[in-house]
């Protein structure tokens, strides 16, 4: 029973609107999964994208840009 109460309290705190922030303005794309609005960096969860300076190997194991 204690476990359920603790989980409910944690869920209430995590999902409360107090944790949210209102940002406005144009987004600046930093890389495939990160944007910046009003000097606040936002990392998009669940997005797998290469970093800007990441080098990848092709099928022949040759270095190249991660495009």
Protein backbone atom coordinates (compact mmCIF):
# COMPACT_ATOMS: atom_id res chain seq x y z
CA UNK A 1 0.00 0.00 0.00
CA UNK A 2 2.84 2.40 0.85
CA UNK A 3 4.40 1.68 -2.52
CA UNK A 4 1.24 2.70 -4.38
CA UNK A 5 0.93 5.94 -2.40
CA UNK A 6 4.56 6.81 -3.09
CA UNK A 7 4.14 6.11 -6.82
CA UNK A 8 0.95 8.21 -6.97
CA UNK A 9 2.70 11.11 -5.20
CA UNK A 10 5.70 10.87 -7.53
CA UNK A 11 3.42 10.82 -10.59
CA UNK A 12 1.55 13.89 -9.32
CA UNK A 13 4.80 15.83 -8.84
CA UNK A 14 6.34 14.82 -12.18
CA UNK A 15 3.24 15.61 -14.24
CA UNK A 16 2.27 18.84 -12.49
CA UNK A 17 2.15 22.00 -14.62
CA UNK A 18 4.63 23.62 -12.23
CA UNK A 19 7.36 21.59 -13.94
CA UNK A 20 6.45 22.96 -17.37
CA UNK A 21 7.85 26.15 -18.84
CA UNK A 22 6.40 28.32 -21.58
CA UNK A 23 8.89 29.10 -24.29
CA UNK A 24 8.26 31.21 -27.35
CA UNK A 25 10.36 32.23 -30.26
CA UNK A 26 12.01 30.60 -33.22
CA UNK A 27 13.73 27.27 -32.57
CA UNK A 28 17.39 26.88 -33.44
CA UNK A 29 18.26 23.36 -34.61
CA UNK A 30 21.48 22.26 -32.91
CA UNK A 31 21.57 18.67 -34.21
CA UNK A 32 19.22 15.83 -35.09
CA UNK A 33 17.61 15.56 -31.66
CA UNK A 34 18.31 18.89 -29.90
CA UNK A 35 16.73 22.30 -30.38
CA UNK A 36 17.21 25.58 -28.55
CA UNK A 37 14.51 28.14 -27.77
CA UNK A 38 15.26 31.27 -25.70
CA UNK A 39 18.67 29.88 -24.69
CA UNK A 40 16.98 26.72 -23.35
CA UNK A 41 18.23 23.48 -24.87
CA UNK A 42 15.59 20.83 -25.41
CA UNK A 43 16.61 17.27 -26.16
CA UNK A 44 13.89 15.33 -27.96
CA UNK A 45 13.28 12.03 -26.21
CA UNK A 46 13.03 8.88 -28.29
CA UNK A 47 14.80 10.39 -31.30
CA UNK A 48 17.97 8.65 -32.46
CA UNK A 49 19.93 10.88 -34.81
CA UNK A 50 23.63 11.34 -35.51
CA UNK A 51 25.40 14.23 -33.83
CA UNK A 52 26.60 17.12 -35.99
CA UNK A 53 30.27 16.09 -35.97
CA UNK A 54 29.72 12.31 -35.85
CA UNK A 55 31.64 10.17 -38.34
CA UNK A 56 30.05 6.93 -39.53
CA UNK A 57 31.36 3.93 -41.41
CA UNK A 58 29.74 2.84 -44.65
CA UNK A 59 29.35 -0.78 -45.83
CA UNK A 60 32.99 -0.82 -46.94
CA UNK A 61 34.18 0.48 -43.52
CA UNK A 62 35.20 3.81 -45.00
CA UNK A 63 34.83 6.98 -42.94
CA UNK A 64 32.28 9.50 -44.06
CA UNK A 65 29.83 12.06 -42.74
CA UNK A 66 26.79 10.75 -40.89
CA UNK A 67 24.25 12.00 -43.41
